[in-house]
Amino acid sequence: MFHEQEISNKLCLICPKHKYKITLAEGEGLYRAINPAEKVPTRRWYSKGVKQRVHKVIEVDEDIFVTLSDCPGWIESDYYQTEKGREELRKAQDLDSEPDPDADEV
């Protein structure tokens, strides 16, 4: 299950597996780092750019309405809507569901 967190005044989802931070409003990937070029390097949040296509969802009288993203161009998450991307995702999910041979038995 995804975890929500506010980062730099932006509501984000955090992937439980990868710990990726994606803003809900724009689909922007965030990461925390130090810029060594600064006189006093300070950890701060930086943008990786838009990584996930975001769709607007509203509920009206128990009806759900989705407005699809009108963001032009290619976004990384679009890859998983191609046949090659879906196959890669299926393989990764199959690997996740296999028991870990190195895990201790209880």
PDB file of N, CA and C in Angstrom:
ATOM      1  N   MET A   1       0.840  -1.176   0.000  1.00  0.00           N
ATOM      2  CA  MET A   1       0.000   0.000   0.000  1.00  0.00           C
ATOM      3  C   MET A   1       0.892   1.248   0.000  1.00  0.00           C
ATOM      4  N   PHE A   2       0.500   2.243  -0.780  1.00  0.00           N
ATOM      5  CA  PHE A   2       1.251   3.480  -0.876  1.00  0.00           C
ATOM      6  C   PHE A   2       1.038   4.338   0.362  1.00  0.00           C
ATOM      7  N   HIS A   3       2.056   5.081   0.703  1.00  0.00           N
ATOM      8  CA  HIS A   3       2.022   5.979   1.846  1.00  0.00           C
ATOM      9  C   HIS A   3       1.993   7.412   1.319  1.00  0.00           C
ATOM     10  N   GLU A   4       1.205   8.285   1.952  1.00  0.00           N
ATOM     11  CA  GLU A   4       1.157   9.705   1.571  1.00  0.00           C
ATOM     12  C   GLU A   4       2.042  10.505   2.506  1.00  0.00           C
ATOM     13  N   GLN A   5       2.677  11.536   1.952  1.00  0.00           N
ATOM     14  CA  GLN A   5       3.509  12.432   2.752  1.00  0.00           C
ATOM     15  C   GLN A   5       3.586  13.783   2.051  1.00  0.00           C
ATOM     16  N   GLU A   6       3.628  14.842   2.834  1.00  0.00           N
ATOM     17  CA  GLU A   6       3.818  16.166   2.253  1.00  0.00           C
ATOM     18  C   GLU A   6       5.315  16.471   2.236  1.00  0.00           C
ATOM     19  N   ILE A   7       5.806  16.821   1.050  1.00  0.00           N
ATOM     20  CA  ILE A   7       7.224  17.140   0.865  1.00  0.00           C
ATOM     21  C   ILE A   7       7.296  18.471   0.144  1.00  0.00           C
ATOM     22  N   SER A   8       7.973  19.445   0.744  1.00  0.00           N
ATOM     23  CA  SER A   8       8.107  20.782   0.146  1.00  0.00           C
ATOM     24  C   SER A   8       6.748  21.345  -0.257  1.00  0.00           C
ATOM     25  N   ASN A   9       5.784  21.213   0.625  1.00  0.00           N
ATOM     26  CA  ASN A   9       4.417  21.712   0.409  1.00  0.00           C
ATOM     27  C   ASN A   9       3.700  21.034  -0.753  1.00  0.00           C
ATOM     28  N   LYS A  10       4.110  19.817  -1.098  1.00  0.00           N
ATOM     29  CA  LYS A  10       3.466  19.050  -2.170  1.00  0.00           C
ATOM     30  C   LYS A  10       3.064  17.695  -1.598  1.00  0.00           C
ATOM     31  N   LEU A  11       1.801  17.303  -1.804  1.00  0.00           N
ATOM     32  CA  LEU A  11       1.344  16.005  -1.350  1.00  0.00           C
ATOM     33  C   LEU A  11       1.912  14.942  -2.294  1.00  0.00           C
ATOM     34  N   CYS A  12       2.554  13.934  -1.714  1.00  0.00           N
ATOM     35  CA  CYS A  12       3.228  12.901  -2.501  1.00  0.00           C
ATOM     36  C   CYS A  12       2.768  11.517  -2.098  1.00  0.00           C
ATOM     37  N   LEU A  13       2.868  10.583  -3.045  1.00  0.00           N
ATOM     38  CA  LEU A  13       2.738   9.165  -2.761  1.00  0.00           C
ATOM     39  C   LEU A  13       4.145   8.599  -2.713  1.00  0.00           C
ATOM     40  N   ILE A  14       4.356   7.654  -1.804  1.00  0.00           N
ATOM     41  CA  ILE A  14       5.661   7.015  -1.690  1.00  0.00           C
ATOM     42  C   ILE A  14       5.484   5.529  -1.981  1.00  0.00           C
ATOM     43  N   CYS A  15       6.214   5.042  -2.954  1.00  0.00           N
ATOM     44  CA  CYS A  15       6.154   3.639  -3.330  1.00  0.00           C
ATOM     45  C   CYS A  15       6.728   2.806  -2.187  1.00  0.00           C
ATOM     46  N   PRO A  16       5.961   1.820  -1.697  1.00  0.00           N
ATOM     47  CA  PRO A  16       6.453   1.020  -0.571  1.00  0.00           C
ATOM     48  C   PRO A  16       7.658   0.148  -0.936  1.00  0.00           C
ATOM     49  N   LYS A  17       7.790  -0.213  -2.198  1.00  0.00           N
ATOM     50  CA  LYS A  17       8.896  -1.085  -2.608  1.00  0.00           C
ATOM     51  C   LYS A  17      10.162  -0.294  -2.924  1.00  0.00           C
ATOM     52  N   HIS A  18      10.020   0.777  -3.707  1.00  0.00           N
ATOM     53  CA  HIS A  18      11.185   1.510  -4.194  1.00  0.00           C
ATOM     54  C   HIS A  18      11.474   2.801  -3.427  1.00  0.00           C
ATOM     55  N   LYS A  19      10.483   3.257  -2.641  1.00  0.00           N
ATOM     56  CA  LYS A  19      10.584   4.517  -1.882  1.00  0.00           C
ATOM     57  C   LYS A  19      10.610   5.737  -2.800  1.00  0.00           C
ATOM     58  N   TYR A  20      10.170   5.588  -4.069  1.00  0.00           N
ATOM     59  CA  TYR A  20      10.054   6.734  -4.964  1.00  0.00           C
ATOM     60  C   TYR A  20       9.011   7.686  -4.401  1.00  0.00           C
ATOM     61  N   LYS A  21       9.256   8.971  -4.550  1.00  0.00           N
ATOM     62  CA  LYS A  21       8.315   9.997  -4.109  1.00  0.00           C
ATOM     63  C   LYS A  21       7.775  10.706  -5.344  1.00  0.00           C
ATOM     64  N   ILE A  22       6.440  10.628  -5.542  1.00  0.00           N
ATOM     65  CA  ILE A  22       5.780  11.194  -6.718  1.00  0.00           C
ATOM     66  C   ILE A  22       4.704  12.151  -6.245  1.00  0.00           C
ATOM     67  N   THR A  23       4.729  13.399  -6.758  1.00  0.00           N
ATOM     68  CA  THR A  23       3.705  14.367  -6.360  1.00  0.00           C
ATOM     69  C   THR A  23       2.371  13.989  -6.986  1.00  0.00           C
ATOM     70  N   LEU A  24       1.310  14.157  -6.207  1.00  0.00           N
ATOM     71  CA  LEU A  24      -0.023  13.811  -6.697  1.00  0.00           C
ATOM     72  C   LEU A  24      -0.518  14.795  -7.754  1.00  0.00           C
ATOM     73  N   ALA A  25      -0.175  16.052  -7.622  1.00  0.00           N
ATOM     74  CA  ALA A  25      -0.706  17.068  -8.537  1.00  0.00           C
ATOM     75  C   ALA A  25      -0.084  17.000  -9.928  1.00  0.00           C
ATOM     76  N   GLU A  26       1.229  16.788  -9.997  1.00  0.00           N
ATOM     77  CA  GLU A  26       1.914  16.843 -11.299  1.00  0.00           C
ATOM     78  C   GLU A  26       2.541  15.529 -11.744  1.00  0.00           C
ATOM     79  N   GLY A  27       2.709  14.557 -10.836  1.00  0.00           N
ATOM     80  CA  GLY A  27       3.402  13.326 -11.196  1.00  0.00           C
ATOM     81  C   GLY A  27       4.902  13.500 -11.223  1.00  0.00           C
ATOM     82  N   GLU A  28       5.376  14.529 -10.535  1.00  0.00           N
ATOM     83  CA  GLU A  28       6.801  14.873 -10.505  1.00  0.00           C
ATOM     84  C   GLU A  28       7.536  13.958  -9.526  1.00  0.00           C
ATOM     85  N   GLY A  29       8.674  13.428  -9.942  1.00  0.00           N
ATOM     86  CA  GLY A  29       9.512  12.622  -9.056  1.00  0.00           C
ATOM     87  C   GLY A  29      10.399  13.532  -8.218  1.00  0.00           C
ATOM     88  N   LEU A  30      10.471  13.272  -6.921  1.00  0.00           N
ATOM     89  CA  LEU A  30      11.303  14.076  -6.024  1.00  0.00           C
ATOM     90  C   LEU A  30      12.387  13.210  -5.400  1.00  0.00           C
ATOM     91  N   TYR A  31      13.532  13.815  -5.138  1.00  0.00           N
ATOM     92  CA  TYR A  31      14.603  13.123  -4.427  1.00  0.00           C
ATOM     93  C   TYR A  31      15.332  14.134  -3.553  1.00  0.00           C
ATOM     94  N   ARG A  32      15.950  13.630  -2.502  1.00  0.00           N
ATOM     95  CA  ARG A  32      16.651  14.503  -1.557  1.00  0.00           C
ATOM     96  C   ARG A  32      18.147  14.294  -1.723  1.00  0.00           C
ATOM     97  N   ALA A  33      18.878  15.410  -1.844  1.00  0.00           N
ATOM     98  CA  ALA A  33      20.317  15.311  -2.077  1.00  0.00           C
ATOM     99  C   ALA A  33      21.019  16.580  -1.610  1.00  0.00           C
ATOM    100  N   ILE A  34      22.339  16.525  -1.662  1.00  0.00           N
ATOM    101  CA  ILE A  34      23.190  17.665  -1.331  1.00  0.00           C
ATOM    102  C   ILE A  34      23.850  18.136  -2.619  1.00  0.00           C
ATOM    103  N   ASN A  35      23.862  19.457  -2.841  1.00  0.00           N
ATOM    104  CA  ASN A  35      24.559  20.029  -3.987  1.00  0.00           C
ATOM    105  C   ASN A  35      25.959  20.403  -3.502  1.00  0.00           C
ATOM    106  N   PRO A  36      26.988  19.659  -3.904  1.00  0.00           N
ATOM    107  CA  PRO A  36      28.344  19.929  -3.407  1.00  0.00           C
ATOM    108  C   PRO A  36      28.917  21.269  -3.879  1.00  0.00           C
ATOM    109  N   ALA A  37      28.281  21.897  -4.864  1.00  0.00           N
ATOM    110  CA  ALA A  37      28.754  23.193  -5.353  1.00  0.00           C
ATOM    111  C   ALA A  37      28.364  24.344  -4.429  1.00  0.00           C
ATOM    112  N   GLU A  38      27.440  24.111  -3.509  1.00  0.00           N
ATOM    113  CA  GLU A  38      27.017  25.159  -2.583  1.00  0.00           C
ATOM    114  C   GLU A  38      28.098  25.392  -1.537  1.00  0.00           C
ATOM    115  N   LYS A  39      28.219  26.650  -1.072  1.00  0.00           N
ATOM    116  CA  LYS A  39      29.211  26.971  -0.033  1.00  0.00           C
ATOM    117  C   LYS A  39      28.957  26.160   1.228  1.00  0.00           C
ATOM    118  N   VAL A  40      27.675  26.059   1.606  1.00  0.00           N
ATOM    119  CA  VAL A  40      27.288  25.242   2.753  1.00  0.00           C
ATOM    120  C   VAL A  40      26.304  24.188   2.229  1.00  0.00           C
ATOM    121  N   PRO A  41      26.827  23.023   1.825  1.00  0.00           N
ATOM    122  CA  PRO A  41      25.940  21.997   1.273  1.00  0.00           C
ATOM    123  C   PRO A  41      24.844  21.612   2.270  1.00  0.00           C
ATOM    124  N   THR A  42      23.605  21.669   1.796  1.00  0.00           N
ATOM    125  CA  THR A  42      22.447  21.371   2.620  1.00  0.00           C
ATOM    126  C   THR A  42      21.566  20.376   1.881  1.00  0.00           C
ATOM    127  N   ARG A  43      21.106  19.349   2.615  1.00  0.00           N
ATOM    128  CA  ARG A  43      20.178  18.394   1.988  1.00  0.00           C
ATOM    129  C   ARG A  43      18.866  19.100   1.691  1.00  0.00           C
ATOM    130  N   ARG A  44      18.391  18.965   0.460  1.00  0.00           N
ATOM    131  CA  ARG A  44      17.113  19.558   0.065  1.00  0.00           C
ATOM    132  C   ARG A  44      16.464  18.687  -0.997  1.00  0.00           C
ATOM    133  N   TRP A  45      15.203  18.994  -1.285  1.00  0.00           N
ATOM    134  CA  TRP A  45      14.443  18.228  -2.270  1.00  0.00           C
ATOM    135  C   TRP A  45      14.662  18.798  -3.667  1.00  0.00           C
ATOM    136  N   TYR A  46      14.887  17.914  -4.617  1.00  0.00           N
ATOM    137  CA  TYR A  46      15.074  18.275  -6.022  1.00  0.00           C
ATOM    138  C   TYR A  46      14.062  17.499  -6.872  1.00  0.00           C
ATOM    139  N   SER A  47      13.802  18.013  -8.075  1.00  0.00           N
ATOM    140  CA  SER A  47      12.857  17.381  -8.992  1.00  0.00           C
ATOM    141  C   SER A  47      13.589  16.533 -10.022  1.00  0.00           C
ATOM    142  N   LYS A  48      13.022  15.375 -10.321  1.00  0.00           N
ATOM    143  CA  LYS A  48      13.492  14.532 -11.422  1.00  0.00           C
ATOM    144  C   LYS A  48      12.693  14.828 -12.687  1.00  0.00           C
ATOM    145  N   GLY A  49      11.708  15.733 -12.565  1.00  0.00           N
ATOM    146  CA  GLY A  49      10.800  16.006 -13.669  1.00  0.00           C
ATOM    147  C   GLY A  49       9.565  15.129 -13.548  1.00  0.00           C
ATOM    148  N   VAL A  50       8.660  15.272 -14.487  1.00  0.00           N
ATOM    149  CA  VAL A  50       7.416  14.497 -14.460  1.00  0.00           C
ATOM    150  C   VAL A  50       7.740  13.050 -14.822  1.00  0.00           C
ATOM    151  N   LYS A  51       7.377  12.141 -13.934  1.00  0.00           N
ATOM    152  CA  LYS A  51       7.657  10.716 -14.120  1.00  0.00           C
ATOM    153  C   LYS A  51       6.398   9.869 -14.267  1.00  0.00           C
ATOM    154  N   GLN A  52       5.268  10.415 -13.826  1.00  0.00           N
ATOM    155  CA  GLN A  52       4.024   9.651 -13.805  1.00  0.00           C
ATOM    156  C   GLN A  52       2.895  10.498 -14.373  1.00  0.00           C
ATOM    157  N   ARG A  53       2.149   9.952 -15.307  1.00  0.00           N
ATOM    158  CA  ARG A  53       0.991  10.663 -15.848  1.00  0.00           C
ATOM    159  C   ARG A  53      -0.077  10.739 -14.755  1.00  0.00           C
ATOM    160  N   VAL A  54      -0.669  11.921 -14.567  1.00  0.00           N
ATOM    161  CA  VAL A  54      -1.641  12.156 -13.501  1.00  0.00           C
ATOM    162  C   VAL A  54      -3.001  12.461 -14.116  1.00  0.00           C
ATOM    163  N   HIS A  55      -4.038  11.825 -13.588  1.00  0.00           N
ATOM    164  CA  HIS A  55      -5.407  12.029 -14.054  1.00  0.00           C
ATOM    165  C   HIS A  55      -6.235  12.620 -12.921  1.00  0.00           C
ATOM    166  N   LYS A  56      -7.127  13.539 -13.240  1.00  0.00           N
ATOM    167  CA  LYS A  56      -7.985  14.175 -12.238  1.00  0.00           C
ATOM    168  C   LYS A  56      -9.188  13.265 -11.977  1.00  0.00           C
ATOM    169  N   VAL A  57      -9.460  13.006 -10.695  1.00  0.00           N
ATOM    170  CA  VAL A  57     -10.575  12.154 -10.296  1.00  0.00           C
ATOM    171  C   VAL A  57     -11.431  12.921  -9.297  1.00  0.00           C
ATOM    172  N   ILE A  58     -12.742  12.961  -9.556  1.00  0.00           N
ATOM    173  CA  ILE A  58     -13.655  13.593  -8.604  1.00  0.00           C
ATOM    174  C   ILE A  58     -14.857  12.669  -8.378  1.00  0.00           C
ATOM    175  N   GLU A  59     -15.455  12.820  -7.207  1.00  0.00           N
ATOM    176  CA  GLU A  59     -16.656  12.062  -6.874  1.00  0.00           C
ATOM    177  C   GLU A  59     -17.800  13.044  -6.705  1.00  0.00           C
ATOM    178  N   VAL A  60     -18.921  12.776  -7.386  1.00  0.00           N
ATOM    179  CA  VAL A  60     -20.120  13.610  -7.288  1.00  0.00           C
ATOM    180  C   VAL A  60     -21.297  12.682  -7.042  1.00  0.00           C
ATOM    181  N   ASP A  61     -21.930  12.821  -5.896  1.00  0.00           N
ATOM    182  CA  ASP A  61     -23.095  11.995  -5.563  1.00  0.00           C
ATOM    183  C   ASP A  61     -22.842  10.503  -5.807  1.00  0.00           C
ATOM    184  N   GLU A  62     -21.740  10.008  -5.300  1.00  0.00           N
ATOM    185  CA  GLU A  62     -21.336   8.596  -5.404  1.00  0.00           C
ATOM    186  C   GLU A  62     -20.950   8.163  -6.816  1.00  0.00           C
ATOM    187  N   ASP A  63     -20.885   9.090  -7.776  1.00  0.00           N
ATOM    188  CA  ASP A  63     -20.389   8.792  -9.117  1.00  0.00           C
ATOM    189  C   ASP A  63     -18.937   9.248  -9.202  1.00  0.00           C
ATOM    190  N   ILE A  64     -18.114   8.483  -9.895  1.00  0.00           N
ATOM    191  CA  ILE A  64     -16.698   8.795 -10.058  1.00  0.00           C
ATOM    192  C   ILE A  64     -16.476   9.292 -11.482  1.00  0.00           C
ATOM    193  N   PHE A  65     -15.810  10.443 -11.607  1.00  0.00           N
ATOM    194  CA  PHE A  65     -15.488  11.030 -12.906  1.00  0.00           C
ATOM    195  C   PHE A  65     -13.976  11.170 -13.027  1.00  0.00           C
ATOM    196  N   VAL A  66     -13.425  10.718 -14.161  1.00  0.00           N
ATOM    197  CA  VAL A  66     -11.992  10.788 -14.407  1.00  0.00           C
ATOM    198  C   VAL A  66     -11.749  11.653 -15.631  1.00  0.00           C
ATOM    199  N   THR A  67     -10.895  12.651 -15.472  1.00  0.00           N
ATOM    200  CA  THR A  67     -10.449  13.467 -16.600  1.00  0.00           C
ATOM    201  C   THR A  67      -9.025  13.030 -16.913  1.00  0.00           C
ATOM    202  N   LEU A  68      -8.833  12.474 -18.105  1.00  0.00           N
ATOM    203  CA  LEU A  68      -7.516  11.964 -18.468  1.00  0.00           C
ATOM    204  C   LEU A  68      -6.520  13.100 -18.655  1.00  0.00           C
ATOM    205  N   SER A  69      -5.289  12.798 -18.364  1.00  0.00           N
ATOM    206  CA  SER A  69      -4.198  13.757 -18.475  1.00  0.00           C
ATOM    207  C   SER A  69      -4.099  14.294 -19.902  1.00  0.00           C
ATOM    208  N   ASP A  70      -3.864  15.602 -20.006  1.00  0.00           N
ATOM    209  CA  ASP A  70      -3.633  16.190 -21.323  1.00  0.00           C
ATOM    210  C   ASP A  70      -2.169  16.590 -21.481  1.00  0.00           C
ATOM    211  N   CYS A  71      -1.322  16.036 -20.614  1.00  0.00           N
ATOM    212  CA  CYS A  71       0.119  16.325 -20.666  1.00  0.00           C
ATOM    213  C   CYS A  71       0.674  15.784 -21.992  1.00  0.00           C
ATOM    214  N   PRO A  72       1.223  16.665 -22.816  1.00  0.00           N
ATOM    215  CA  PRO A  72       1.722  16.217 -24.121  1.00  0.00           C
ATOM    216  C   PRO A  72       3.041  15.458 -23.995  1.00  0.00           C
ATOM    217  N   GLY A  73       3.343  14.691 -25.005  1.00  0.00           N
ATOM    218  CA  GLY A  73       4.636  14.024 -25.062  1.00  0.00           C
ATOM    219  C   GLY A  73       4.694  12.745 -24.248  1.00  0.00           C
ATOM    220  N   TRP A  74       5.867  12.171 -24.238  1.00  0.00           N
ATOM    221  CA  TRP A  74       6.141  10.890 -23.596  1.00  0.00           C
ATOM    222  C   TRP A  74       6.520  11.110 -22.141  1.00  0.00           C
ATOM    223  N   ILE A  75       5.963  10.307 -21.248  1.00  0.00           N
ATOM    224  CA  ILE A  75       6.306  10.317 -19.827  1.00  0.00           C
ATOM    225  C   ILE A  75       6.754   8.898 -19.495  1.00  0.00           C
ATOM    226  N   GLU A  76       7.747   8.757 -18.621  1.00  0.00           N
ATOM    227  CA  GLU A  76       8.300   7.434 -18.314  1.00  0.00           C
ATOM    228  C   GLU A  76       7.236   6.388 -18.024  1.00  0.00           C
ATOM    229  N   SER A  77       6.194   6.755 -17.280  1.00  0.00           N
ATOM    230  CA  SER A  77       5.162   5.776 -16.916  1.00  0.00           C
ATOM    231  C   SER A  77       4.397   5.274 -18.143  1.00  0.00           C
ATOM    232  N   ASP A  78       4.448   5.997 -19.262  1.00  0.00           N
ATOM    233  CA  ASP A  78       3.765   5.559 -20.486  1.00  0.00           C
ATOM    234  C   ASP A  78       4.336   4.237 -21.007  1.00  0.00           C
ATOM    235  N   TYR A  79       5.585   3.963 -20.678  1.00  0.00           N
ATOM    236  CA  TYR A  79       6.237   2.730 -21.125  1.00  0.00           C
ATOM    237  C   TYR A  79       5.421   1.504 -20.720  1.00  0.00           C
ATOM    238  N   TYR A  80       4.823   1.550 -19.540  1.00  0.00           N
ATOM    239  CA  TYR A  80       4.089   0.390 -19.027  1.00  0.00           C
ATOM    240  C   TYR A  80       2.725   0.219 -19.685  1.00  0.00           C
ATOM    241  N   GLN A  81       2.395   1.084 -20.629  1.00  0.00           N
ATOM    242  CA  GLN A  81       1.175   0.916 -21.426  1.00  0.00           C
ATOM    243  C   GLN A  81       1.494   0.339 -22.802  1.00  0.00           C
ATOM    244  N   THR A  82       2.767   0.038 -23.045  1.00  0.00           N
ATOM    245  CA  THR A  82       3.155  -0.646 -24.283  1.00  0.00           C
ATOM    246  C   THR A  82       3.166  -2.145 -23.993  1.00  0.00           C
ATOM    247  N   GLU A  83       3.079  -2.958 -25.023  1.00  0.00           N
ATOM    248  CA  GLU A  83       3.098  -4.410 -24.809  1.00  0.00           C
ATOM    249  C   GLU A  83       4.410  -4.843 -24.160  1.00  0.00           C
ATOM    250  N   LYS A  84       5.517  -4.280 -24.608  1.00  0.00           N
ATOM    251  CA  LYS A  84       6.822  -4.628 -24.027  1.00  0.00           C
ATOM    252  C   LYS A  84       6.868  -4.231 -22.543  1.00  0.00           C
ATOM    253  N   GLY A  85       6.353  -3.079 -22.224  1.00  0.00           N
ATOM    254  CA  GLY A  85       6.339  -2.616 -20.838  1.00  0.00           C
ATOM    255  C   GLY A  85       5.444  -3.474 -19.963  1.00  0.00           C
ATOM    256  N   ARG A  86       4.277  -3.859 -20.479  1.00  0.00           N
ATOM    257  CA  ARG A  86       3.367  -4.714 -19.701  1.00  0.00           C
ATOM    258  C   ARG A  86       3.992  -6.082 -19.450  1.00  0.00           C
ATOM    259  N   GLU A  87       4.698  -6.623 -20.447  1.00  0.00           N
ATOM    260  CA  GLU A  87       5.370  -7.914 -20.274  1.00  0.00           C
ATOM    261  C   GLU A  87       6.467  -7.798 -19.208  1.00  0.00           C
ATOM    262  N   GLU A  88       7.229  -6.731 -19.254  1.00  0.00           N
ATOM    263  CA  GLU A  88       8.276  -6.511 -18.248  1.00  0.00           C
ATOM    264  C   GLU A  88       7.664  -6.397 -16.852  1.00  0.00           C
ATOM    265  N   LEU A  89       6.559  -5.693 -16.750  1.00  0.00           N
ATOM    266  CA  LEU A  89       5.871  -5.531 -15.468  1.00  0.00           C
ATOM    267  C   LEU A  89       5.350  -6.883 -14.964  1.00  0.00           C
ATOM    268  N   ARG A  90       4.778  -7.697 -15.851  1.00  0.00           N
ATOM    269  CA  ARG A  90       4.296  -9.032 -15.463  1.00  0.00           C
ATOM    270  C   ARG A  90       5.444  -9.890 -14.929  1.00  0.00           C
ATOM    271  N   LYS A  91       6.591  -9.854 -15.616  1.00  0.00           N
ATOM    272  CA  LYS A  91       7.750 -10.641 -15.174  1.00  0.00           C
ATOM    273  C   LYS A  91       8.218 -10.182 -13.801  1.00  0.00           C
ATOM    274  N   ALA A  92       8.264  -8.884 -13.583  1.00  0.00           N
ATOM    275  CA  ALA A  92       8.686  -8.352 -12.278  1.00  0.00           C
ATOM    276  C   ALA A  92       7.705  -8.773 -11.189  1.00  0.00           C
ATOM    277  N   GLN A  93       6.411  -8.739 -11.490  1.00  0.00           N
ATOM    278  CA  GLN A  93       5.411  -9.151 -10.507  1.00  0.00           C
ATOM    279  C   GLN A  93       5.515 -10.639 -10.214  1.00  0.00           C
ATOM    280  N   ASP A  94       5.814 -11.451 -11.238  1.00  0.00           N
ATOM    281  CA  ASP A  94       5.990 -12.889 -11.025  1.00  0.00           C
ATOM    282  C   ASP A  94       7.187 -13.148 -10.117  1.00  0.00           C
ATOM    283  N   LEU A  95       8.271 -12.413 -10.324  1.00  0.00           N
ATOM    284  CA  LEU A  95       9.450 -12.569  -9.468  1.00  0.00           C
ATOM    285  C   LEU A  95       9.144 -12.174  -8.029  1.00  0.00           C
ATOM    286  N   ASP A  96       8.338 -11.111  -7.862  1.00  0.00           N
ATOM    287  CA  ASP A  96       7.970 -10.662  -6.516  1.00  0.00           C
ATOM    288  C   ASP A  96       7.129 -11.703  -5.786  1.00  0.00           C
ATOM    289  N   SER A  97       6.353 -12.490  -6.533  1.00  0.00           N
ATOM    290  CA  SER A  97       5.460 -13.451  -5.890  1.00  0.00           C
ATOM    291  C   SER A  97       6.136 -14.788  -5.605  1.00  0.00           C
ATOM    292  N   GLU A  98       7.337 -15.002  -6.156  1.00  0.00           N
ATOM    293  CA  GLU A  98       8.052 -16.255  -5.898  1.00  0.00           C
ATOM    294  C   GLU A  98       8.654 -16.213  -4.493  1.00  0.00           C
ATOM    295  N   PRO A  99       8.680 -17.359  -3.799  1.00  0.00           N
ATOM    296  CA  PRO A  99       9.316 -17.375  -2.477  1.00  0.00           C
ATOM    297  C   PRO A  99      10.808 -17.139  -2.608  1.00  0.00           C
ATOM    298  N   ASP A 100      11.372 -16.460  -1.625  1.00  0.00           N
ATOM    299  CA  ASP A 100      12.806 -16.162  -1.607  1.00  0.00           C
ATOM    300  C   ASP A 100      13.551 -17.398  -1.131  1.00  0.00           C
ATOM    301  N   PRO A 101      14.413 -17.994  -1.983  1.00  0.00           N
ATOM    302  CA  PRO A 101      15.118 -19.215  -1.574  1.00  0.00           C
ATOM    303  C   PRO A 101      16.109 -18.963  -0.446  1.00  0.00           C
ATOM    304  N   ASP A 102      16.524 -17.707  -0.272  1.00  0.00           N
ATOM    305  CA  ASP A 102      17.476 -17.374   0.789  1.00  0.00           C
ATOM    306  C   ASP A 102      16.807 -17.002   2.100  1.00  0.00           C
ATOM    307  N   ALA A 103      15.474 -16.922   2.097  1.00  0.00           N
ATOM    308  CA  ALA A 103      14.764 -16.520   3.314  1.00  0.00           C
ATOM    309  C   ALA A 103      14.793 -17.646   4.331  1.00  0.00           C
ATOM    310  N   ASP A 104      14.874 -17.273   5.589  1.00  0.00           N
ATOM    311  CA  ASP A 104      14.831 -18.257   6.667  1.00  0.00           C
ATOM    312  C   ASP A 104      13.433 -18.827   6.794  1.00  0.00           C
ATOM    313  N   GLU A 105      13.346 -20.140   6.932  1.00  0.00           N
ATOM    314  CA  GLU A 105      12.047 -20.759   7.141  1.00  0.00           C
ATOM    315  C   GLU A 105      11.645 -20.609   8.585  1.00  0.00           C
ATOM    316  N   VAL A 106      10.337 -20.436   8.803  1.00  0.00           N
ATOM    317  CA  VAL A 106       9.823 -20.260  10.165  1.00  0.00           C
ATOM    318  C   VAL A 106       9.158 -21.538  10.621  1.00  0.00           C
TER     319      VAL A 106
END
